Amino acid sequence: RRLVSGGNFDLVTGVDLNQPYQQTAVLHYITSKDPKVALMAMRCTAFGPWSNYNEVHYPEAWQRSYDESWPHARFGGVVAGVMMDRGRDWLSEQPQGSKLYREPPWPSVLARPNIASEIVHQCATGQRGPKGGLVKKATEFKASDDRLLVYLRPLKCNGKHDHEHPTGAGLKKLQLYTWILIYGIMDGVCLL
């Protein structure tokens, strides 16, 4: 593939994208190194499928989660816009139905021409829950170029198996991508 990673900017690597000085450093990296693609998976707790329930039944907890999530959710939209302004591309992942894309500047980014979207069922990638069962976990990928989604399109549940339905702490394991999903993303990058 001959791809070189520009690094990983997240809490695991000591980068807190909620902090303005860290955001400035990432934007400096983008403008000075000119990466081909930004791959983004922002925190979904305040925006994903359970957020509506949590907002109604546990409003204080939801508000805390939202307060921790909106700065980097919005920064993801800034990164996507900067990448497109520079003639570069981006790919973003969220649970299907995420409200993250309502956060500014995402609506204006998604209104640009050629934005593409695809739903992946993670059971088709071999994603398994804590009990070992396949987990469907419908996941939406949005991208600045349809070619980034080519190898993700076939990843749909065939309906021939049962699904495990993890909740709570069991969802943590599902944050890790399977190799099938990673290769699908990287093969799409190679099409650019």
N, C-alpha and C. Protein backbone atom coordinates (compact mmCIF):
# COMPACT_ATOMS: atom_id res chain seq x y z
N ARG A 1 0.82 -1.20 0.00
CA ARG A 1 0.00 0.00 0.00
C ARG A 1 0.86 1.26 0.00
N ARG A 2 2.01 1.18 0.58
CA ARG A 2 2.94 2.30 0.62
C ARG A 2 2.34 3.55 1.26
N LEU A 3 1.52 3.35 2.26
CA LEU A 3 0.94 4.46 3.01
C LEU A 3 1.79 4.71 4.24
N VAL A 4 1.89 5.96 4.62
CA VAL A 4 2.61 6.34 5.82
C VAL A 4 1.63 7.06 6.73
N SER A 5 1.56 6.63 7.98
CA SER A 5 0.67 7.28 8.93
C SER A 5 1.29 8.58 9.42
N GLY A 6 0.47 9.59 9.50
CA GLY A 6 0.92 10.87 10.02
C GLY A 6 0.80 10.93 11.53
N GLY A 7 0.34 9.87 12.13
CA GLY A 7 0.19 9.86 13.57
C GLY A 7 -1.25 9.75 13.99
N ASN A 8 -1.42 9.58 15.27
CA ASN A 8 -2.74 9.42 15.86
C ASN A 8 -2.92 10.52 16.89
N PHE A 9 -3.92 11.34 16.69
CA PHE A 9 -4.16 12.47 17.59
C PHE A 9 -5.40 12.21 18.42
N ASP A 10 -5.22 11.61 19.58
CA ASP A 10 -6.35 11.38 20.49
C ASP A 10 -5.84 11.20 21.91
N LEU A 11 -6.76 10.95 22.83
CA LEU A 11 -6.38 10.84 24.24
C LEU A 11 -5.39 9.71 24.50
N VAL A 12 -5.48 8.65 23.71
CA VAL A 12 -4.57 7.52 23.89
C VAL A 12 -3.13 7.96 23.69
N THR A 13 -2.91 8.90 22.79
CA THR A 13 -1.55 9.38 22.51
C THR A 13 -1.24 10.69 23.21
N GLY A 14 -2.10 11.09 24.15
CA GLY A 14 -1.83 12.29 24.94
C GLY A 14 -2.28 13.59 24.29
N VAL A 15 -3.14 13.50 23.29
CA VAL A 15 -3.65 14.70 22.62
C VAL A 15 -5.13 14.86 22.96
N ASP A 16 -5.47 15.93 23.65
CA ASP A 16 -6.85 16.20 24.03
C ASP A 16 -7.42 17.24 23.06
N LEU A 17 -8.19 16.76 22.11
CA LEU A 17 -8.73 17.65 21.08
C LEU A 17 -9.83 18.58 21.58
N ASN A 18 -10.12 18.54 22.86
CA ASN A 18 -11.01 19.54 23.45
C ASN A 18 -10.23 20.81 23.80
N GLN A 19 -8.93 20.72 23.82
CA GLN A 19 -8.08 21.85 24.21
C GLN A 19 -7.71 22.69 22.99
N PRO A 20 -8.01 23.99 23.02
CA PRO A 20 -7.71 24.84 21.87
C PRO A 20 -6.25 24.79 21.42
N TYR A 21 -5.30 24.72 22.35
CA TYR A 21 -3.90 24.70 21.94
C TYR A 21 -3.57 23.39 21.20
N GLN A 22 -4.23 22.29 21.58
CA GLN A 22 -4.02 21.02 20.86
C GLN A 22 -4.66 21.09 19.47
N GLN A 23 -5.83 21.72 19.39
CA GLN A 23 -6.48 21.89 18.09
C GLN A 23 -5.59 22.72 17.16
N THR A 24 -5.00 23.78 17.71
CA THR A 24 -4.09 24.62 16.92
C THR A 24 -2.91 23.80 16.42
N ALA A 25 -2.37 22.95 17.28
CA ALA A 25 -1.23 22.11 16.88
C ALA A 25 -1.61 21.14 15.77
N VAL A 26 -2.80 20.56 15.85
CA VAL A 26 -3.25 19.63 14.81
C VAL A 26 -3.46 20.38 13.49
N LEU A 27 -4.06 21.56 13.55
CA LEU A 27 -4.24 22.34 12.32
C LEU A 27 -2.89 22.75 11.72
N HIS A 28 -1.91 23.07 12.57
CA HIS A 28 -0.57 23.37 12.08
C HIS A 28 0.02 22.14 11.38
N TYR A 29 -0.17 20.98 11.98
CA TYR A 29 0.31 19.74 11.37
C TYR A 29 -0.32 19.56 9.98
N ILE A 30 -1.63 19.75 9.90
CA ILE A 30 -2.33 19.57 8.62
C ILE A 30 -1.81 20.54 7.57
N THR A 31 -1.63 21.80 7.94
CA THR A 31 -1.20 22.79 6.95
C THR A 31 0.28 22.68 6.61
N SER A 32 1.08 22.12 7.50
CA SER A 32 2.51 22.00 7.20
C SER A 32 2.88 20.66 6.57
N LYS A 33 2.19 19.60 6.94
CA LYS A 33 2.51 18.25 6.42
C LYS A 33 1.63 17.84 5.25
N ASP A 34 0.46 18.48 5.11
CA ASP A 34 -0.45 18.23 4.00
C ASP A 34 -0.83 16.76 3.84
N PRO A 35 -1.40 16.13 4.87
CA PRO A 35 -1.77 14.72 4.76
C PRO A 35 -2.83 14.50 3.68
N LYS A 36 -2.80 13.33 3.11
CA LYS A 36 -3.74 12.97 2.04
C LYS A 36 -5.16 12.84 2.56
N VAL A 37 -5.31 12.20 3.73
CA VAL A 37 -6.64 11.92 4.29
C VAL A 37 -6.59 12.07 5.81
N ALA A 38 -7.65 12.64 6.37
CA ALA A 38 -7.84 12.64 7.82
C ALA A 38 -8.91 11.59 8.13
N LEU A 39 -8.55 10.62 8.96
CA LEU A 39 -9.48 9.59 9.39
C LEU A 39 -9.95 9.96 10.79
N MET A 40 -11.26 10.12 10.97
CA MET A 40 -11.78 10.64 12.23
C MET A 40 -12.86 9.73 12.82
N ALA A 41 -12.78 9.53 14.12
CA ALA A 41 -13.80 8.80 14.87
C ALA A 41 -13.98 9.54 16.20
N MET A 42 -14.84 10.54 16.19
CA MET A 42 -15.04 11.36 17.37
C MET A 42 -15.91 10.61 18.40
N ARG A 43 -15.78 11.00 19.64
CA ARG A 43 -16.55 10.41 20.73
C ARG A 43 -18.04 10.54 20.43
N CYS A 44 -18.77 9.44 20.63
CA CYS A 44 -20.19 9.44 20.23
C CYS A 44 -21.16 9.42 21.40
N THR A 45 -20.68 9.36 22.63
CA THR A 45 -21.55 9.15 23.79
C THR A 45 -22.71 10.14 23.84
N ALA A 46 -22.47 11.40 23.59
CA ALA A 46 -23.53 12.41 23.68
C ALA A 46 -24.36 12.51 22.42
N PHE A 47 -23.97 11.79 21.36
CA PHE A 47 -24.63 11.96 20.06
C PHE A 47 -25.25 10.67 19.51
N GLY A 48 -24.82 9.52 20.01
CA GLY A 48 -25.23 8.24 19.46
C GLY A 48 -26.65 7.85 19.81
N PRO A 49 -27.04 6.62 19.45
CA PRO A 49 -28.43 6.16 19.61
C PRO A 49 -28.98 6.26 21.03
N TRP A 50 -28.14 6.04 22.04
CA TRP A 50 -28.63 6.09 23.42
C TRP A 50 -28.72 7.51 23.96
N SER A 51 -28.21 8.47 23.22
CA SER A 51 -28.17 9.84 23.75
C SER A 51 -29.57 10.43 23.97
N ASN A 52 -30.52 10.10 23.11
CA ASN A 52 -31.89 10.63 23.29
C ASN A 52 -32.48 10.14 24.61
N TYR A 53 -32.31 8.85 24.87
CA TYR A 53 -32.81 8.27 26.11
C TYR A 53 -32.11 8.91 27.31
N ASN A 54 -30.81 8.99 27.23
CA ASN A 54 -30.04 9.55 28.35
C ASN A 54 -30.37 11.03 28.59
N GLU A 55 -30.60 11.77 27.51
CA GLU A 55 -30.93 13.19 27.66
C GLU A 55 -32.23 13.38 28.43
N VAL A 56 -33.20 12.47 28.21
CA VAL A 56 -34.49 12.57 28.89
C VAL A 56 -34.42 12.01 30.31
N HIS A 57 -33.82 10.83 30.47
CA HIS A 57 -33.86 10.12 31.75
C HIS A 57 -32.71 10.46 32.70
N TYR A 58 -31.59 10.89 32.13
CA TYR A 58 -30.41 11.24 32.94
C TYR A 58 -29.81 12.54 32.41
N PRO A 59 -30.58 13.63 32.49
CA PRO A 59 -30.15 14.87 31.83
C PRO A 59 -28.82 15.43 32.35
N GLU A 60 -28.54 15.29 33.64
CA GLU A 60 -27.27 15.83 34.15
C GLU A 60 -26.09 15.05 33.59
N ALA A 61 -26.22 13.73 33.57
CA ALA A 61 -25.14 12.89 33.02
C ALA A 61 -24.97 13.16 31.52
N TRP A 62 -26.10 13.29 30.81
CA TRP A 62 -26.02 13.57 29.38
C TRP A 62 -25.33 14.92 29.16
N GLN A 63 -25.67 15.92 29.96
CA GLN A 63 -25.08 17.25 29.80
C GLN A 63 -23.57 17.20 30.02
N ARG A 64 -23.15 16.46 31.04
CA ARG A 64 -21.70 16.31 31.27
C ARG A 64 -21.03 15.67 30.06
N SER A 65 -21.66 14.65 29.53
CA SER A 65 -21.11 13.97 28.36
C SER A 65 -21.06 14.91 27.15
N TYR A 66 -22.12 15.67 26.97
CA TYR A 66 -22.15 16.63 25.86
C TYR A 66 -21.05 17.68 26.03
N ASP A 67 -20.91 18.19 27.24
CA ASP A 67 -19.88 19.21 27.50
C ASP A 67 -18.47 18.68 27.22
N GLU A 68 -18.28 17.38 27.44
CA GLU A 68 -16.98 16.75 27.15
C GLU A 68 -16.81 16.41 25.67
N SER A 69 -17.89 16.36 24.94
CA SER A 69 -17.85 15.88 23.55
C SER A 69 -17.92 16.97 22.50
N TRP A 70 -18.67 18.04 22.74
CA TRP A 70 -18.91 18.99 21.65
C TRP A 70 -17.64 19.67 21.15
N PRO A 71 -16.64 19.99 22.00
CA PRO A 71 -15.48 20.69 21.44
C PRO A 71 -14.76 19.89 20.35
N HIS A 72 -14.52 18.61 20.59
CA HIS A 72 -13.81 17.86 19.55
C HIS A 72 -14.75 17.40 18.44
N ALA A 73 -16.05 17.29 18.70
CA ALA A 73 -17.00 17.00 17.63
C ALA A 73 -16.99 18.14 16.61
N ARG A 74 -17.03 19.34 17.12
CA ARG A 74 -16.99 20.51 16.23
C ARG A 74 -15.63 20.65 15.56
N PHE A 75 -14.57 20.33 16.30
CA PHE A 75 -13.24 20.40 15.70
C PHE A 75 -13.11 19.42 14.55
N GLY A 76 -13.74 18.26 14.66
CA GLY A 76 -13.74 17.32 13.54
C GLY A 76 -14.31 17.96 12.28
N GLY A 77 -15.37 18.75 12.43
CA GLY A 77 -15.93 19.47 11.29
C GLY A 77 -14.97 20.50 10.74
N VAL A 78 -14.24 21.17 11.63
CA VAL A 78 -13.22 22.14 11.19
C VAL A 78 -12.16 21.42 10.38
N VAL A 79 -11.68 20.28 10.89
CA VAL A 79 -10.65 19.51 10.17
C VAL A 79 -11.17 19.09 8.79
N ALA A 80 -12.39 18.59 8.74
CA ALA A 80 -12.96 18.17 7.45
C ALA A 80 -13.00 19.35 6.47
N GLY A 81 -13.42 20.51 6.93
CA GLY A 81 -13.47 21.68 6.06
C GLY A 81 -12.09 22.11 5.59
N VAL A 82 -11.12 22.11 6.49
CA VAL A 82 -9.75 22.49 6.13
C VAL A 82 -9.19 21.50 5.11
N MET A 83 -9.42 20.23 5.34
CA MET A 83 -8.91 19.22 4.39
C MET A 83 -9.49 19.46 3.00
N MET A 84 -10.79 19.70 2.92
CA MET A 84 -11.41 19.93 1.61
C MET A 84 -10.92 21.23 0.99
N ASP A 85 -10.76 22.27 1.78
CA ASP A 85 -10.24 23.55 1.27
C ASP A 85 -8.86 23.37 0.65
N ARG A 86 -8.10 22.40 1.16
CA ARG A 86 -6.74 22.14 0.68
C ARG A 86 -6.71 21.08 -0.43
N GLY A 87 -7.90 20.65 -0.89
CA GLY A 87 -7.96 19.63 -1.93
C GLY A 87 -7.63 18.24 -1.42
N ARG A 88 -7.79 18.04 -0.12
CA ARG A 88 -7.52 16.76 0.51
C ARG A 88 -8.83 16.13 0.96
N ASP A 89 -8.75 14.96 1.56
CA ASP A 89 -9.95 14.21 1.88
C ASP A 89 -10.05 13.86 3.36
N TRP A 90 -11.22 13.40 3.75
CA TRP A 90 -11.49 12.98 5.13
C TRP A 90 -12.52 11.86 5.13
N LEU A 91 -12.47 11.08 6.19
CA LEU A 91 -13.44 10.02 6.44
C LEU A 91 -13.79 10.10 7.92
N SER A 92 -15.08 10.05 8.23
CA SER A 92 -15.53 10.15 9.61
C SER A 92 -16.46 8.99 9.92
N GLU A 93 -16.35 8.46 11.15
CA GLU A 93 -17.17 7.33 11.57
C GLU A 93 -17.97 7.69 12.82
N GLN A 94 -19.24 7.31 12.80
CA GLN A 94 -20.15 7.49 13.95
C GLN A 94 -21.20 6.38 13.91
N PRO A 95 -21.85 6.11 15.04
CA PRO A 95 -22.96 5.16 14.99
C PRO A 95 -24.06 5.69 14.06
N GLN A 96 -24.75 4.80 13.40
CA GLN A 96 -25.85 5.23 12.54
C GLN A 96 -26.84 6.05 13.36
N GLY A 97 -27.26 7.18 12.83
CA GLY A 97 -28.21 8.05 13.51
C GLY A 97 -27.58 9.04 14.47
N SER A 98 -26.27 9.12 14.49
CA SER A 98 -25.59 10.05 15.39
C SER A 98 -26.03 11.49 15.12
N LYS A 99 -26.18 12.25 16.20
CA LYS A 99 -26.53 13.67 16.09
C LYS A 99 -25.28 14.55 15.99
N LEU A 100 -24.11 13.95 15.97
CA LEU A 100 -22.87 14.72 15.93
C LEU A 100 -22.85 15.67 14.73
N TYR A 101 -23.38 15.22 13.61
CA TYR A 101 -23.30 16.01 12.38
C TYR A 101 -24.25 17.22 12.38
N ARG A 102 -24.98 17.40 13.47
CA ARG A 102 -25.78 18.63 13.64
C ARG A 102 -24.93 19.75 14.26
N GLU A 103 -23.79 19.37 14.83
CA GLU A 103 -22.90 20.35 15.48
C GLU A 103 -22.19 21.18 14.40
N PRO A 104 -22.17 22.52 14.58
CA PRO A 104 -21.43 23.33 13.62
C PRO A 104 -19.94 23.04 13.69
N PRO A 105 -19.22 23.06 12.62
CA PRO A 105 -19.60 23.43 11.25
C PRO A 105 -20.02 22.25 10.37
N TRP A 106 -20.33 21.09 10.98
CA TRP A 106 -20.66 19.92 10.17
C TRP A 106 -21.75 20.15 9.15
N PRO A 107 -22.87 20.83 9.46
CA PRO A 107 -23.90 20.99 8.43
C PRO A 107 -23.37 21.67 7.16
N SER A 108 -22.51 22.68 7.31
CA SER A 108 -21.98 23.35 6.11
C SER A 108 -20.96 22.45 5.40
N VAL A 109 -20.21 21.65 6.14
CA VAL A 109 -19.27 20.71 5.51
C VAL A 109 -20.05 19.67 4.71
N LEU A 110 -21.10 19.14 5.30
CA LEU A 110 -21.87 18.08 4.62
C LEU A 110 -22.71 18.61 3.47
N ALA A 111 -22.90 19.93 3.39
CA ALA A 111 -23.64 20.53 2.28
C ALA A 111 -22.77 20.70 1.03
N ARG A 112 -21.48 20.48 1.16
CA ARG A 112 -20.58 20.62 0.01
C ARG A 112 -20.83 19.50 -0.99
N PRO A 113 -20.44 19.74 -2.24
CA PRO A 113 -20.65 18.69 -3.25
C PRO A 113 -19.81 17.45 -2.98
N ASN A 114 -20.29 16.33 -3.46
CA ASN A 114 -19.58 15.05 -3.48
C ASN A 114 -19.42 14.37 -2.12
N ILE A 115 -20.09 14.85 -1.09
CA ILE A 115 -20.02 14.16 0.20
C ILE A 115 -20.77 12.83 0.07
N ALA A 116 -20.17 11.77 0.58
CA ALA A 116 -20.74 10.43 0.46
C ALA A 116 -20.94 9.83 1.84
N SER A 117 -21.82 8.85 1.91
CA SER A 117 -22.14 8.21 3.18
C SER A 117 -22.41 6.73 2.94
N GLU A 118 -22.06 5.91 3.92
CA GLU A 118 -22.30 4.47 3.81
C GLU A 118 -22.52 3.89 5.21
N ILE A 119 -23.48 2.98 5.31
CA ILE A 119 -23.73 2.26 6.55
C ILE A 119 -23.02 0.90 6.48
N VAL A 120 -22.27 0.60 7.53
CA VAL A 120 -21.59 -0.69 7.66
C VAL A 120 -22.20 -1.42 8.84
N HIS A 121 -22.45 -2.72 8.67
CA HIS A 121 -22.86 -3.56 9.79
C HIS A 121 -21.62 -4.28 10.28
N GLN A 122 -21.23 -4.01 11.49
CA GLN A 122 -19.94 -4.49 11.95
C GLN A 122 -19.87 -6.01 12.10
N CYS A 123 -21.02 -6.69 12.16
CA CYS A 123 -20.97 -8.16 12.18
C CYS A 123 -20.34 -8.68 10.89
N ALA A 124 -20.50 -7.93 9.79
CA ALA A 124 -19.91 -8.33 8.50
C ALA A 124 -18.39 -8.16 8.50
N THR A 125 -17.87 -7.48 9.51
CA THR A 125 -16.41 -7.34 9.63
C THR A 125 -15.84 -8.32 10.65
N GLY A 126 -16.73 -9.11 11.26
CA GLY A 126 -16.29 -10.06 12.28
C GLY A 126 -16.29 -9.49 13.69
N GLN A 127 -16.91 -8.32 13.88
CA GLN A 127 -16.95 -7.68 15.21
C GLN A 127 -17.72 -8.56 16.18
N ARG A 128 -17.09 -8.86 17.31
CA ARG A 128 -17.71 -9.71 18.33
C ARG A 128 -17.80 -8.98 19.66
N GLY A 129 -18.85 -9.29 20.38
CA GLY A 129 -19.07 -8.69 21.69
C GLY A 129 -18.30 -9.42 22.77
N PRO A 130 -18.47 -9.00 24.02
CA PRO A 130 -17.74 -9.59 25.14
C PRO A 130 -18.07 -11.07 25.37
N LYS A 131 -19.23 -11.53 24.91
CA LYS A 131 -19.61 -12.93 25.08
C LYS A 131 -19.24 -13.77 23.86
N GLY A 132 -18.64 -13.14 22.85
CA GLY A 132 -18.17 -13.87 21.68
C GLY A 132 -19.12 -13.89 20.50
N GLY A 133 -20.32 -13.32 20.67
CA GLY A 133 -21.28 -13.30 19.57
C GLY A 133 -21.04 -12.14 18.62
N LEU A 134 -21.48 -12.30 17.37
CA LEU A 134 -21.37 -11.22 16.41
C LEU A 134 -22.25 -10.05 16.82
N VAL A 135 -21.77 -8.84 16.61
CA VAL A 135 -22.49 -7.63 16.97
C VAL A 135 -22.73 -6.82 15.70
N LYS A 136 -23.99 -6.49 15.44
CA LYS A 136 -24.33 -5.76 14.21
C LYS A 136 -23.78 -4.35 14.21
N LYS A 137 -23.98 -3.59 15.25
CA LYS A 137 -23.48 -2.23 15.42
C LYS A 137 -23.46 -1.44 14.10
N ALA A 138 -24.62 -1.00 13.67
CA ALA A 138 -24.71 -0.21 12.43
C ALA A 138 -23.91 1.07 12.59
N THR A 139 -22.96 1.27 11.70
CA THR A 139 -22.02 2.37 11.78
C THR A 139 -22.04 3.15 10.48
N GLU A 140 -22.12 4.48 10.60
CA GLU A 140 -22.16 5.32 9.40
C GLU A 140 -20.80 5.95 9.16
N PHE A 141 -20.34 5.80 7.94
CA PHE A 141 -19.12 6.46 7.50
C PHE A 141 -19.51 7.58 6.54
N LYS A 142 -18.98 8.76 6.76
CA LYS A 142 -19.16 9.88 5.84
C LYS A 142 -17.78 10.22 5.31
N ALA A 143 -17.73 10.68 4.05
CA ALA A 143 -16.44 10.94 3.43
C ALA A 143 -16.56 12.04 2.39
N SER A 144 -15.43 12.67 2.14
CA SER A 144 -15.35 13.74 1.15
C SER A 144 -15.26 13.18 -0.27
N ASP A 145 -14.99 11.90 -0.41
CA ASP A 145 -14.85 11.28 -1.73
C ASP A 145 -15.43 9.88 -1.66
N ASP A 146 -16.31 9.56 -2.58
CA ASP A 146 -17.00 8.28 -2.61
C ASP A 146 -16.04 7.09 -2.68
N ARG A 147 -14.86 7.30 -3.24
CA ARG A 147 -13.89 6.19 -3.35
C ARG A 147 -13.45 5.68 -1.99
N LEU A 148 -13.50 6.52 -0.97
CA LEU A 148 -13.12 6.08 0.38
C LEU A 148 -14.08 5.03 0.93
N LEU A 149 -15.26 4.92 0.33
CA LEU A 149 -16.29 4.01 0.84
C LEU A 149 -16.45 2.74 0.01
N VAL A 150 -15.73 2.62 -1.09
CA VAL A 150 -15.91 1.50 -2.02
C VAL A 150 -15.82 0.15 -1.32
N TYR A 151 -14.81 -0.05 -0.50
CA TYR A 151 -14.61 -1.35 0.14
C TYR A 151 -15.43 -1.51 1.41
N LEU A 152 -16.10 -0.45 1.82
CA LEU A 152 -16.99 -0.54 2.99
C LEU A 152 -18.40 -0.93 2.57
N ARG A 153 -18.78 -0.64 1.34
CA ARG A 153 -20.15 -0.89 0.86
C ARG A 153 -20.62 -2.33 1.04
N PRO A 154 -19.79 -3.32 0.76
CA PRO A 154 -20.27 -4.70 0.90
C PRO A 154 -20.45 -5.17 2.34
N LEU A 155 -20.02 -4.40 3.30
CA LEU A 155 -20.03 -4.84 4.69
C LEU A 155 -21.42 -4.67 5.31
N LYS A 156 -22.32 -5.56 4.89
CA LYS A 156 -23.71 -5.57 5.35
C LYS A 156 -24.02 -6.93 5.95
N CYS A 157 -24.86 -6.94 6.96
CA CYS A 157 -25.28 -8.18 7.59
C CYS A 157 -26.02 -9.05 6.58
N ASN A 158 -25.68 -10.34 6.54
CA ASN A 158 -26.37 -11.25 5.63
C ASN A 158 -27.63 -11.85 6.27
N GLY A 159 -27.89 -11.54 7.51
CA GLY A 159 -29.10 -12.00 8.18
C GLY A 159 -29.10 -13.47 8.54
N LYS A 160 -27.98 -14.15 8.43
CA LYS A 160 -27.92 -15.59 8.65
C LYS A 160 -27.31 -15.97 10.00
N HIS A 161 -27.29 -15.03 10.93
CA HIS A 161 -26.71 -15.32 12.24
C HIS A 161 -27.43 -14.48 13.31
N ASP A 162 -27.27 -14.90 14.54
CA ASP A 162 -27.81 -14.14 15.66
C ASP A 162 -26.81 -13.05 16.03
N HIS A 163 -27.31 -12.02 16.70
CA HIS A 163 -26.45 -10.93 17.16
C HIS A 163 -26.44 -10.85 18.67
N GLU A 164 -25.27 -10.58 19.18
CA GLU A 164 -25.14 -10.24 20.59
C GLU A 164 -25.50 -8.77 20.74
N HIS A 165 -26.08 -8.39 21.88
CA HIS A 165 -26.49 -7.01 22.11
C HIS A 165 -25.86 -6.47 23.39
N PRO A 166 -24.56 -6.16 23.35
CA PRO A 166 -23.89 -5.66 24.57
C PRO A 166 -24.41 -4.28 24.97
N THR A 167 -24.34 -4.03 26.25
CA THR A 167 -24.72 -2.72 26.79
C THR A 167 -23.65 -2.28 27.79
N GLY A 168 -23.72 -1.03 28.19
CA GLY A 168 -22.83 -0.52 29.23
C GLY A 168 -21.37 -0.74 28.92
N ALA A 169 -20.67 -1.33 29.88
CA ALA A 169 -19.23 -1.56 29.74
C ALA A 169 -18.91 -2.51 28.59
N GLY A 170 -19.86 -3.35 28.20
CA GLY A 170 -19.65 -4.27 27.09
C GLY A 170 -19.46 -3.58 25.75
N LEU A 171 -19.87 -2.32 25.67
CA LEU A 171 -19.71 -1.56 24.42
C LEU A 171 -18.28 -1.09 24.21
N LYS A 172 -17.51 -1.02 25.27
CA LYS A 172 -16.13 -0.51 25.18
C LYS A 172 -15.30 -1.31 24.18
N LYS A 173 -15.44 -2.63 24.20
CA LYS A 173 -14.69 -3.50 23.29
C LYS A 173 -14.99 -3.19 21.82
N LEU A 174 -16.18 -2.69 21.57
CA LEU A 174 -16.60 -2.44 20.19
C LEU A 174 -15.98 -1.18 19.60
N GLN A 175 -15.25 -0.43 20.41
CA GLN A 175 -14.58 0.76 19.89
C GLN A 175 -13.38 0.40 19.04
N LEU A 176 -12.89 -0.82 19.17
CA LEU A 176 -11.74 -1.25 18.38
C LEU A 176 -12.22 -1.78 17.03
N TYR A 177 -11.57 -1.33 15.97
CA TYR A 177 -11.92 -1.81 14.63
C TYR A 177 -11.36 -3.21 14.41
N THR A 178 -12.09 -3.99 13.62
CA THR A 178 -11.58 -5.29 13.20
C THR A 178 -10.60 -5.06 12.04
N TRP A 179 -9.78 -6.07 11.78
CA TRP A 179 -8.83 -5.95 10.66
C TRP A 179 -9.56 -5.83 9.33
N ILE A 180 -10.71 -6.49 9.18
CA ILE A 180 -11.47 -6.38 7.93
C ILE A 180 -11.89 -4.93 7.71
N LEU A 181 -12.35 -4.26 8.75
CA LEU A 181 -12.74 -2.86 8.63
C LEU A 181 -11.52 -1.98 8.35
N ILE A 182 -10.43 -2.22 9.04
CA ILE A 182 -9.21 -1.43 8.81
C ILE A 182 -8.75 -1.56 7.37
N TYR A 183 -8.71 -2.80 6.87
CA TYR A 183 -8.28 -2.99 5.48
C TYR A 183 -9.24 -2.33 4.49
N GLY A 184 -10.55 -2.38 4.78
CA GLY A 184 -11.52 -1.70 3.91
C GLY A 184 -11.28 -0.21 3.85
N ILE A 185 -10.96 0.39 4.98
CA ILE A 185 -10.68 1.82 5.02
C ILE A 185 -9.39 2.11 4.26
N MET A 186 -8.34 1.36 4.54
CA MET A 186 -7.03 1.62 3.90
C MET A 186 -7.09 1.38 2.38
N ASP A 187 -7.82 0.34 1.95
CA ASP A 187 -7.95 0.09 0.52
C ASP A 187 -8.68 1.23 -0.17
N GLY A 188 -9.65 1.83 0.53
CA GLY A 188 -10.32 3.01 -0.02
C GLY A 188 -9.38 4.19 -0.15
N VAL A 189 -8.53 4.39 0.85
CA VAL A 189 -7.54 5.47 0.78
C VAL A 189 -6.63 5.27 -0.44
N CYS A 190 -6.29 4.03 -0.73
CA CYS A 190 -5.40 3.74 -1.86
C CYS A 190 -6.04 4.08 -3.21
N LEU A 191 -7.37 4.21 -3.25
CA LEU A 191 -8.04 4.55 -4.51
C LEU A 191 -7.94 6.04 -4.85
N LEU A 192 -7.55 6.85 -3.89
CA LEU A 192 -7.49 8.31 -4.13
C LEU A 192 -6.30 8.67 -5.00
